[in-house]
Amino acid sequence: MSERKYAFSWDLIGDIELGRPNLGPTTRIEVYRLLQFVFRDVLEQRFGSEVTDELFYAAGKIAGNEFYKKFCSGTNDINEFVATLQSVLRELGIGIMRVESADIERGSFVITISEDLDCSGLPELDFEVCVYDEGFIAGLMESFTGKKFRVKEVDCWCTGDRTCRFTADVVADN
C-alpha cells in the first residue's frame, strides 16, 4: 500500500477564520449533500452498493471517534456524555439527538436523530440512507465506553419516518 496522503487530522480542517474571512464556517446543506451523494454515486459505480455502505460506515466510525476526542472527551458519566453530545450536535447543525432507551448493563441503546444532516427532507426511497451516521454513532459509543458497538438504522426519513432511529448494541467478545 502506498503512503497515505489524507490520514485524518483536525489540521485538515484548516484555519477557517484565515481562509474564509468573509464567508465564515458555514455553508448550505445542499453543498454537503452534493458532496456526500456524488461520492456515493462514484463509489457505487466502481464498487457496488454493499462496499460503498461498508466504506461510509467505516468513514463515519473514524469521524465519530475523532468527534468524541474533540468535543466529548473527559466525560465519564453517561448522562454527561449524552447532554454534551446533544448540545454539540445541535450547535453544529448536525441534528437533534435523543436517547429513547438505554440498557447500560446490556450495552443496548435506541437513539434518534431528528432534522438529520444526511436525509431529513429527502424523498422516500424505500431504504435507509444514513450508513455514515451508523458508523458515526458506533465511533462515538466505542470511544465513550471502550467497547465495540454495532449500530443499525431501523427508521429513516427516506423510509417514511420523520426521525432517524438507530439501535446501538455492544458486540459480544470484545
N, C-alpha and C. Protein backbone atom coordinates (compact mmCIF):
# COMPACT_ATOMS: atom_id res chain seq x y z
N MET A 1 0.85 -1.18 0.00
CA MET A 1 0.00 0.00 0.00
C MET A 1 0.89 1.24 0.00
N SER A 2 0.52 2.21 -0.80
CA SER A 2 1.31 3.44 -0.85
C SER A 2 1.04 4.31 0.38
N GLU A 3 1.92 5.27 0.58
CA GLU A 3 1.78 6.17 1.71
C GLU A 3 0.46 6.94 1.60
N ARG A 4 -0.22 7.08 2.72
CA ARG A 4 -1.50 7.79 2.74
C ARG A 4 -1.25 9.29 2.68
N LYS A 5 -2.04 9.96 1.89
CA LYS A 5 -1.95 11.41 1.78
C LYS A 5 -2.91 12.12 2.73
N TYR A 6 -3.99 11.44 3.11
CA TYR A 6 -5.03 12.11 3.87
C TYR A 6 -5.46 11.39 5.14
N ALA A 7 -4.51 10.82 5.87
CA ALA A 7 -4.87 10.24 7.17
C ALA A 7 -5.51 11.36 7.98
N PHE A 8 -6.66 11.08 8.59
CA PHE A 8 -7.40 12.17 9.22
C PHE A 8 -6.61 12.85 10.32
N SER A 9 -6.72 14.16 10.32
CA SER A 9 -6.20 15.03 11.37
C SER A 9 -7.08 16.27 11.35
N TRP A 10 -7.33 16.83 12.51
CA TRP A 10 -8.12 18.06 12.56
C TRP A 10 -7.39 19.19 11.83
N ASP A 11 -6.09 19.05 11.62
CA ASP A 11 -5.35 20.05 10.84
C ASP A 11 -5.89 20.16 9.41
N LEU A 12 -6.46 19.06 8.89
CA LEU A 12 -7.03 19.09 7.54
C LEU A 12 -8.26 20.00 7.45
N ILE A 13 -8.85 20.33 8.57
CA ILE A 13 -9.99 21.26 8.58
C ILE A 13 -9.48 22.67 8.28
N GLY A 14 -8.25 22.95 8.69
CA GLY A 14 -7.63 24.24 8.39
C GLY A 14 -8.04 25.35 9.35
N ASP A 15 -7.55 26.52 9.05
CA ASP A 15 -7.86 27.73 9.82
C ASP A 15 -8.99 28.45 9.08
N ILE A 16 -10.20 28.21 9.52
CA ILE A 16 -11.38 28.74 8.83
C ILE A 16 -11.39 30.27 8.86
N GLU A 17 -11.04 30.85 9.99
CA GLU A 17 -11.04 32.33 10.08
C GLU A 17 -10.06 32.94 9.08
N LEU A 18 -8.90 32.33 8.92
CA LEU A 18 -7.91 32.83 7.98
C LEU A 18 -8.36 32.58 6.53
N GLY A 19 -8.83 31.39 6.26
CA GLY A 19 -9.16 31.01 4.89
C GLY A 19 -10.49 31.53 4.38
N ARG A 20 -11.43 31.81 5.28
CA ARG A 20 -12.76 32.27 4.87
C ARG A 20 -13.18 33.48 5.71
N PRO A 21 -12.41 34.58 5.61
CA PRO A 21 -12.71 35.73 6.45
C PRO A 21 -14.06 36.37 6.14
N ASN A 22 -14.59 36.18 4.96
CA ASN A 22 -15.87 36.78 4.62
C ASN A 22 -17.03 35.80 4.69
N LEU A 23 -16.79 34.56 4.30
CA LEU A 23 -17.87 33.57 4.27
C LEU A 23 -18.03 32.80 5.58
N GLY A 24 -16.96 32.70 6.36
CA GLY A 24 -17.04 32.04 7.66
C GLY A 24 -17.17 30.53 7.57
N PRO A 25 -17.60 29.89 8.67
CA PRO A 25 -17.55 28.43 8.79
C PRO A 25 -18.79 27.70 8.27
N THR A 26 -19.77 28.39 7.73
CA THR A 26 -21.00 27.70 7.34
C THR A 26 -21.21 27.68 5.83
N THR A 27 -21.99 26.72 5.42
CA THR A 27 -22.43 26.62 4.03
C THR A 27 -23.83 26.03 4.05
N ARG A 28 -24.46 25.95 2.92
CA ARG A 28 -25.81 25.39 2.86
C ARG A 28 -25.76 23.87 2.81
N ILE A 29 -26.82 23.27 3.32
CA ILE A 29 -26.90 21.81 3.40
C ILE A 29 -26.84 21.16 2.02
N GLU A 30 -27.32 21.86 0.98
CA GLU A 30 -27.27 21.30 -0.37
C GLU A 30 -25.84 20.97 -0.79
N VAL A 31 -24.89 21.78 -0.35
CA VAL A 31 -23.48 21.58 -0.71
C VAL A 31 -22.95 20.32 -0.02
N TYR A 32 -23.29 20.15 1.25
CA TYR A 32 -22.89 18.94 1.97
C TYR A 32 -23.47 17.70 1.30
N ARG A 33 -24.77 17.75 1.00
CA ARG A 33 -25.42 16.59 0.39
C ARG A 33 -24.92 16.34 -1.03
N LEU A 34 -24.59 17.39 -1.75
CA LEU A 34 -23.99 17.22 -3.08
C LEU A 34 -22.71 16.42 -2.96
N LEU A 35 -21.84 16.81 -2.04
CA LEU A 35 -20.59 16.10 -1.82
C LEU A 35 -20.85 14.64 -1.44
N GLN A 36 -21.72 14.43 -0.46
CA GLN A 36 -21.99 13.08 0.02
C GLN A 36 -22.55 12.18 -1.08
N PHE A 37 -23.56 12.65 -1.77
CA PHE A 37 -24.23 11.76 -2.72
C PHE A 37 -23.47 11.60 -4.03
N VAL A 38 -22.63 12.55 -4.38
CA VAL A 38 -21.75 12.34 -5.54
C VAL A 38 -20.68 11.31 -5.20
N PHE A 39 -20.11 11.39 -3.99
CA PHE A 39 -19.17 10.36 -3.56
C PHE A 39 -19.84 8.98 -3.57
N ARG A 40 -21.05 8.91 -3.02
CA ARG A 40 -21.77 7.63 -3.01
C ARG A 40 -21.96 7.11 -4.43
N ASP A 41 -22.34 7.99 -5.34
CA ASP A 41 -22.58 7.60 -6.73
C ASP A 41 -21.32 7.03 -7.37
N VAL A 42 -20.22 7.74 -7.24
CA VAL A 42 -18.95 7.29 -7.83
C VAL A 42 -18.51 5.96 -7.21
N LEU A 43 -18.59 5.85 -5.90
CA LEU A 43 -18.19 4.62 -5.23
C LEU A 43 -19.09 3.45 -5.62
N GLU A 44 -20.40 3.68 -5.71
CA GLU A 44 -21.31 2.60 -6.12
C GLU A 44 -21.04 2.15 -7.54
N GLN A 45 -20.74 3.10 -8.44
CA GLN A 45 -20.43 2.73 -9.81
C GLN A 45 -19.19 1.84 -9.87
N ARG A 46 -18.21 2.13 -9.05
CA ARG A 46 -16.95 1.38 -9.10
C ARG A 46 -16.94 0.12 -8.26
N PHE A 47 -17.63 0.15 -7.10
CA PHE A 47 -17.50 -0.96 -6.14
C PHE A 47 -18.81 -1.62 -5.76
N GLY A 48 -19.95 -1.06 -6.13
CA GLY A 48 -21.25 -1.61 -5.75
C GLY A 48 -21.77 -1.01 -4.45
N SER A 49 -23.04 -1.21 -4.21
CA SER A 49 -23.70 -0.61 -3.04
C SER A 49 -23.20 -1.18 -1.72
N GLU A 50 -22.95 -2.48 -1.66
CA GLU A 50 -22.53 -3.10 -0.40
C GLU A 50 -21.18 -2.56 0.06
N VAL A 51 -20.21 -2.52 -0.84
CA VAL A 51 -18.89 -2.00 -0.48
C VAL A 51 -18.98 -0.50 -0.15
N THR A 52 -19.79 0.22 -0.90
CA THR A 52 -19.97 1.66 -0.63
C THR A 52 -20.51 1.87 0.78
N ASP A 53 -21.51 1.07 1.16
CA ASP A 53 -22.04 1.17 2.53
C ASP A 53 -20.97 0.85 3.56
N GLU A 54 -20.15 -0.16 3.30
CA GLU A 54 -19.07 -0.51 4.23
C GLU A 54 -18.09 0.65 4.37
N LEU A 55 -17.77 1.30 3.26
CA LEU A 55 -16.84 2.43 3.28
C LEU A 55 -17.43 3.62 4.04
N PHE A 56 -18.72 3.91 3.80
CA PHE A 56 -19.36 5.02 4.51
C PHE A 56 -19.46 4.73 6.00
N TYR A 57 -19.75 3.49 6.37
CA TYR A 57 -19.81 3.11 7.78
C TYR A 57 -18.43 3.31 8.42
N ALA A 58 -17.39 2.83 7.74
CA ALA A 58 -16.02 2.95 8.26
C ALA A 58 -15.61 4.42 8.39
N ALA A 59 -15.97 5.24 7.40
CA ALA A 59 -15.65 6.67 7.47
C ALA A 59 -16.40 7.32 8.62
N GLY A 60 -17.67 6.97 8.78
CA GLY A 60 -18.45 7.51 9.89
C GLY A 60 -17.86 7.13 11.23
N LYS A 61 -17.34 5.91 11.32
CA LYS A 61 -16.75 5.44 12.58
C LYS A 61 -15.50 6.26 12.93
N ILE A 62 -14.66 6.50 11.94
CA ILE A 62 -13.48 7.36 12.19
C ILE A 62 -13.94 8.74 12.63
N ALA A 63 -14.93 9.28 11.93
CA ALA A 63 -15.45 10.61 12.28
C ALA A 63 -16.01 10.62 13.70
N GLY A 64 -16.74 9.58 14.08
CA GLY A 64 -17.29 9.50 15.44
C GLY A 64 -16.20 9.46 16.49
N ASN A 65 -15.15 8.68 16.23
CA ASN A 65 -14.02 8.62 17.17
C ASN A 65 -13.35 9.99 17.31
N GLU A 66 -13.10 10.63 16.19
CA GLU A 66 -12.43 11.94 16.20
C GLU A 66 -13.33 13.01 16.81
N PHE A 67 -14.61 12.97 16.50
CA PHE A 67 -15.58 13.91 17.06
C PHE A 67 -15.61 13.78 18.58
N TYR A 68 -15.62 12.54 19.07
CA TYR A 68 -15.61 12.30 20.51
C TYR A 68 -14.38 12.93 21.15
N LYS A 69 -13.21 12.68 20.56
CA LYS A 69 -11.96 13.22 21.12
C LYS A 69 -11.99 14.74 21.18
N LYS A 70 -12.52 15.37 20.14
CA LYS A 70 -12.51 16.84 20.07
C LYS A 70 -13.59 17.48 20.93
N PHE A 71 -14.78 16.89 20.98
CA PHE A 71 -15.91 17.56 21.61
C PHE A 71 -16.44 16.91 22.88
N CYS A 72 -16.14 15.65 23.12
CA CYS A 72 -16.77 14.95 24.24
C CYS A 72 -15.80 14.29 25.20
N SER A 73 -14.51 14.29 24.91
CA SER A 73 -13.57 13.59 25.80
C SER A 73 -13.59 14.22 27.18
N GLY A 74 -13.33 13.41 28.16
CA GLY A 74 -13.36 13.88 29.54
C GLY A 74 -14.70 13.65 30.21
N THR A 75 -15.70 13.23 29.45
CA THR A 75 -16.99 12.91 30.05
C THR A 75 -16.95 11.45 30.48
N ASN A 76 -17.23 11.21 31.75
CA ASN A 76 -17.17 9.86 32.29
C ASN A 76 -18.55 9.28 32.60
N ASP A 77 -19.52 10.14 32.74
CA ASP A 77 -20.87 9.75 33.11
C ASP A 77 -21.74 9.72 31.86
N ILE A 78 -22.57 8.69 31.71
CA ILE A 78 -23.40 8.56 30.51
C ILE A 78 -24.32 9.76 30.33
N ASN A 79 -24.88 10.28 31.41
CA ASN A 79 -25.78 11.44 31.29
C ASN A 79 -25.03 12.68 30.83
N GLU A 80 -23.82 12.86 31.34
CA GLU A 80 -23.00 13.99 30.91
C GLU A 80 -22.59 13.84 29.45
N PHE A 81 -22.24 12.62 29.05
CA PHE A 81 -21.88 12.35 27.66
C PHE A 81 -23.04 12.67 26.72
N VAL A 82 -24.22 12.17 27.05
CA VAL A 82 -25.40 12.40 26.21
C VAL A 82 -25.72 13.89 26.14
N ALA A 83 -25.70 14.58 27.28
CA ALA A 83 -26.01 16.02 27.29
C ALA A 83 -25.00 16.82 26.45
N THR A 84 -23.72 16.48 26.59
CA THR A 84 -22.68 17.16 25.80
C THR A 84 -22.89 16.89 24.32
N LEU A 85 -23.12 15.65 23.98
CA LEU A 85 -23.30 15.26 22.59
C LEU A 85 -24.54 15.94 22.00
N GLN A 86 -25.65 15.95 22.73
CA GLN A 86 -26.86 16.61 22.24
C GLN A 86 -26.60 18.08 21.96
N SER A 87 -25.91 18.73 22.86
CA SER A 87 -25.63 20.16 22.71
C SER A 87 -24.75 20.45 21.49
N VAL A 88 -23.68 19.67 21.34
CA VAL A 88 -22.74 19.91 20.23
C VAL A 88 -23.38 19.57 18.89
N LEU A 89 -24.11 18.46 18.81
CA LEU A 89 -24.76 18.09 17.55
C LEU A 89 -25.76 19.16 17.11
N ARG A 90 -26.48 19.71 18.07
CA ARG A 90 -27.44 20.77 17.75
C ARG A 90 -26.72 22.05 17.35
N GLU A 91 -25.72 22.43 18.14
CA GLU A 91 -24.97 23.67 17.87
C GLU A 91 -24.33 23.65 16.49
N LEU A 92 -23.82 22.50 16.07
CA LEU A 92 -23.16 22.39 14.78
C LEU A 92 -24.14 22.12 13.63
N GLY A 93 -25.42 22.00 13.95
CA GLY A 93 -26.43 21.80 12.92
C GLY A 93 -26.45 20.39 12.34
N ILE A 94 -25.95 19.42 13.09
CA ILE A 94 -25.90 18.03 12.61
C ILE A 94 -27.24 17.35 12.80
N GLY A 95 -27.90 17.64 13.90
CA GLY A 95 -29.19 17.05 14.17
C GLY A 95 -29.57 17.18 15.63
N ILE A 96 -30.80 16.79 15.91
CA ILE A 96 -31.32 16.84 17.28
C ILE A 96 -31.40 15.40 17.79
N MET A 97 -30.51 15.08 18.72
CA MET A 97 -30.37 13.71 19.21
C MET A 97 -31.19 13.49 20.47
N ARG A 98 -31.77 12.30 20.55
CA ARG A 98 -32.48 11.87 21.74
C ARG A 98 -32.16 10.41 21.99
N VAL A 99 -32.01 10.04 23.25
CA VAL A 99 -31.85 8.62 23.61
C VAL A 99 -33.22 8.13 24.05
N GLU A 100 -33.80 7.25 23.23
CA GLU A 100 -35.14 6.72 23.54
C GLU A 100 -35.09 5.66 24.62
N SER A 101 -34.05 4.83 24.58
CA SER A 101 -33.89 3.82 25.62
C SER A 101 -32.41 3.51 25.78
N ALA A 102 -32.06 3.17 27.01
CA ALA A 102 -30.67 2.84 27.32
C ALA A 102 -30.65 1.73 28.37
N ASP A 103 -30.11 0.59 27.98
CA ASP A 103 -29.88 -0.50 28.91
C ASP A 103 -28.36 -0.59 29.06
N ILE A 104 -27.85 0.13 30.02
CA ILE A 104 -26.41 0.25 30.20
C ILE A 104 -25.78 -1.10 30.54
N GLU A 105 -26.48 -1.90 31.34
CA GLU A 105 -25.96 -3.22 31.71
C GLU A 105 -25.73 -4.10 30.49
N ARG A 106 -26.69 -4.12 29.57
CA ARG A 106 -26.59 -4.94 28.35
C ARG A 106 -25.83 -4.23 27.24
N GLY A 107 -25.65 -2.92 27.37
CA GLY A 107 -24.99 -2.17 26.30
C GLY A 107 -25.88 -2.06 25.09
N SER A 108 -27.16 -1.72 25.32
CA SER A 108 -28.14 -1.64 24.24
C SER A 108 -28.86 -0.29 24.32
N PHE A 109 -28.86 0.43 23.20
CA PHE A 109 -29.43 1.77 23.15
C PHE A 109 -30.28 1.94 21.91
N VAL A 110 -31.29 2.81 22.01
CA VAL A 110 -32.04 3.27 20.86
C VAL A 110 -31.89 4.79 20.85
N ILE A 111 -31.37 5.29 19.73
CA ILE A 111 -31.04 6.72 19.60
C ILE A 111 -31.76 7.27 18.38
N THR A 112 -32.33 8.46 18.52
CA THR A 112 -32.93 9.11 17.36
C THR A 112 -32.18 10.39 17.04
N ILE A 113 -32.17 10.71 15.75
CA ILE A 113 -31.63 11.98 15.28
C ILE A 113 -32.71 12.61 14.40
N SER A 114 -33.27 13.71 14.85
CA SER A 114 -34.25 14.45 14.06
C SER A 114 -33.54 15.57 13.31
N GLU A 115 -34.13 15.99 12.21
CA GLU A 115 -33.54 17.02 11.36
C GLU A 115 -32.11 16.63 10.97
N ASP A 116 -31.97 15.36 10.69
CA ASP A 116 -30.67 14.75 10.38
C ASP A 116 -30.01 15.42 9.17
N LEU A 117 -28.76 15.70 9.27
CA LEU A 117 -27.98 16.35 8.22
C LEU A 117 -28.01 15.56 6.92
N ASP A 118 -28.01 14.25 7.00
CA ASP A 118 -27.89 13.41 5.80
C ASP A 118 -29.18 13.22 5.03
N CYS A 119 -30.34 13.20 5.70
CA CYS A 119 -31.52 12.76 4.95
C CYS A 119 -32.81 13.52 5.18
N SER A 120 -32.94 14.29 6.23
CA SER A 120 -34.22 14.95 6.50
C SER A 120 -34.62 15.82 5.32
N GLY A 121 -35.82 15.55 4.83
CA GLY A 121 -36.33 16.30 3.69
C GLY A 121 -36.15 15.60 2.35
N LEU A 122 -35.42 14.50 2.32
CA LEU A 122 -35.25 13.76 1.06
C LEU A 122 -36.54 13.03 0.70
N PRO A 123 -36.69 12.66 -0.55
CA PRO A 123 -37.88 11.88 -0.93
C PRO A 123 -37.80 10.46 -0.36
N GLU A 124 -38.96 9.81 -0.30
CA GLU A 124 -38.97 8.42 0.16
C GLU A 124 -38.29 7.54 -0.88
N LEU A 125 -37.42 6.66 -0.39
CA LEU A 125 -36.63 5.81 -1.27
C LEU A 125 -36.83 4.32 -0.98
N ASP A 126 -37.58 3.99 0.04
CA ASP A 126 -37.81 2.60 0.44
C ASP A 126 -36.57 1.92 0.99
N PHE A 127 -35.54 2.68 1.37
CA PHE A 127 -34.39 2.12 2.06
C PHE A 127 -33.74 3.22 2.89
N GLU A 128 -33.06 2.79 3.96
CA GLU A 128 -32.38 3.74 4.84
C GLU A 128 -31.12 4.25 4.14
N VAL A 129 -30.76 5.51 4.39
CA VAL A 129 -29.58 6.08 3.73
C VAL A 129 -28.48 6.49 4.70
N CYS A 130 -28.72 6.41 5.99
CA CYS A 130 -27.81 7.00 6.97
C CYS A 130 -26.72 6.04 7.45
N VAL A 131 -26.06 5.39 6.51
CA VAL A 131 -25.00 4.43 6.84
C VAL A 131 -23.80 5.15 7.49
N TYR A 132 -23.46 6.33 6.99
CA TYR A 132 -22.39 7.12 7.59
C TYR A 132 -22.73 7.40 9.06
N ASP A 133 -23.99 7.76 9.32
CA ASP A 133 -24.43 8.04 10.69
C ASP A 133 -24.31 6.81 11.58
N GLU A 134 -24.59 5.62 11.02
CA GLU A 134 -24.42 4.39 11.79
C GLU A 134 -22.98 4.28 12.29
N GLY A 135 -22.05 4.47 11.39
CA GLY A 135 -20.64 4.41 11.77
C GLY A 135 -20.27 5.51 12.76
N PHE A 136 -20.80 6.70 12.53
CA PHE A 136 -20.53 7.85 13.40
C PHE A 136 -20.97 7.54 14.84
N ILE A 137 -22.18 7.02 14.98
CA ILE A 137 -22.69 6.68 16.31
C ILE A 137 -21.86 5.55 16.92
N ALA A 138 -21.49 4.56 16.11
CA ALA A 138 -20.65 3.46 16.62
C ALA A 138 -19.32 4.02 17.14
N GLY A 139 -18.70 4.93 16.39
CA GLY A 139 -17.44 5.53 16.82
C GLY A 139 -17.59 6.30 18.12
N LEU A 140 -18.67 7.05 18.25
CA LEU A 140 -18.93 7.80 19.49
C LEU A 140 -19.09 6.85 20.67
N MET A 141 -19.93 5.83 20.50
CA MET A 141 -20.21 4.89 21.59
C MET A 141 -18.96 4.11 21.98
N GLU A 142 -18.19 3.68 20.99
CA GLU A 142 -16.96 2.94 21.28
C GLU A 142 -15.94 3.81 22.00
N SER A 143 -15.85 5.07 21.59
CA SER A 143 -14.90 5.98 22.25
C SER A 143 -15.31 6.23 23.69
N PHE A 144 -16.60 6.36 23.93
CA PHE A 144 -17.07 6.62 25.29
C PHE A 144 -16.94 5.39 26.19
N THR A 145 -17.33 4.21 25.68
CA THR A 145 -17.39 3.02 26.53
C THR A 145 -16.14 2.15 26.49
N GLY A 146 -15.35 2.25 25.41
CA GLY A 146 -14.22 1.35 25.23
C GLY A 146 -14.64 -0.02 24.73
N LYS A 147 -15.92 -0.18 24.37
CA LYS A 147 -16.44 -1.45 23.86
C LYS A 147 -16.86 -1.28 22.41
N LYS A 148 -16.79 -2.37 21.67
CA LYS A 148 -17.17 -2.34 20.26
C LYS A 148 -18.70 -2.37 20.14
N PHE A 149 -19.24 -1.52 19.25
CA PHE A 149 -20.68 -1.44 19.02
C PHE A 149 -21.01 -1.73 17.58
N ARG A 150 -22.21 -2.28 17.39
CA ARG A 150 -22.79 -2.41 16.05
C ARG A 150 -24.03 -1.52 16.05
N VAL A 151 -24.07 -0.58 15.13
CA VAL A 151 -25.19 0.35 15.04
C VAL A 151 -25.91 0.11 13.73
N LYS A 152 -27.24 0.10 13.80
CA LYS A 152 -28.07 -0.12 12.61
C LYS A 152 -29.23 0.87 12.61
N GLU A 153 -29.42 1.54 11.48
CA GLU A 153 -30.57 2.41 11.35
C GLU A 153 -31.80 1.54 11.10
N VAL A 154 -32.85 1.77 11.89
CA VAL A 154 -34.07 0.98 11.77
C VAL A 154 -35.24 1.80 11.24
N ASP A 155 -35.18 3.11 11.35
CA ASP A 155 -36.17 4.02 10.78
C ASP A 155 -35.41 5.19 10.17
N CYS A 156 -35.91 5.69 9.04
CA CYS A 156 -35.23 6.77 8.33
C CYS A 156 -36.26 7.67 7.67
N TRP A 157 -35.93 8.92 7.50
CA TRP A 157 -36.78 9.84 6.76
C TRP A 157 -37.13 9.22 5.40
N CYS A 158 -36.16 8.60 4.79
CA CYS A 158 -36.32 8.05 3.43
C CYS A 158 -37.19 6.81 3.38
N THR A 159 -37.56 6.26 4.55
CA THR A 159 -38.49 5.13 4.56
C THR A 159 -39.85 5.57 5.09
N GLY A 160 -40.06 6.88 5.16
CA GLY A 160 -41.36 7.41 5.55
C GLY A 160 -41.44 7.87 6.99
N ASP A 161 -40.40 7.68 7.76
CA ASP A 161 -40.40 8.16 9.15
C ASP A 161 -39.93 9.60 9.16
N ARG A 162 -40.18 10.30 10.22
CA ARG A 162 -39.76 11.70 10.28
C ARG A 162 -38.65 11.93 11.28
N THR A 163 -38.05 10.84 11.71
CA THR A 163 -36.83 10.90 12.50
C THR A 163 -36.02 9.65 12.16
N CYS A 164 -34.71 9.75 12.29
CA CYS A 164 -33.86 8.59 12.06
C CYS A 164 -33.66 7.90 13.40
N ARG A 165 -33.87 6.60 13.41
CA ARG A 165 -33.77 5.82 14.66
C ARG A 165 -32.72 4.74 14.46
N PHE A 166 -31.86 4.63 15.46
CA PHE A 166 -30.74 3.69 15.39
C PHE A 166 -30.74 2.79 16.62
N THR A 167 -30.44 1.52 16.41
CA THR A 167 -30.13 0.64 17.54
C THR A 167 -28.62 0.57 17.65
N ALA A 168 -28.14 0.61 18.86
CA ALA A 168 -26.69 0.53 19.12
C ALA A 168 -26.49 -0.54 20.19
N ASP A 169 -25.77 -1.59 19.82
CA ASP A 169 -25.59 -2.72 20.73
C ASP A 169 -24.13 -3.11 20.83
N VAL A 170 -23.69 -3.39 22.06
CA VAL A 170 -22.34 -3.87 22.27
C VAL A 170 -22.19 -5.20 21.55
N VAL A 171 -21.07 -5.36 20.87
CA VAL A 171 -20.75 -6.61 20.18
C VAL A 171 -20.09 -7.53 21.19
N ALA A 172 -20.59 -8.76 21.29
CA ALA A 172 -20.03 -9.74 22.23
C ALA A 172 -18.58 -10.05 21.90
N ASP A 173 -17.85 -10.51 22.88
CA ASP A 173 -16.44 -10.90 22.73
C ASP A 173 -15.56 -9.74 22.29
N ASN A 174 -15.58 -8.68 23.06
CA ASN A 174 -14.72 -7.54 22.76
C ASN A 174 -13.30 -7.89 23.05
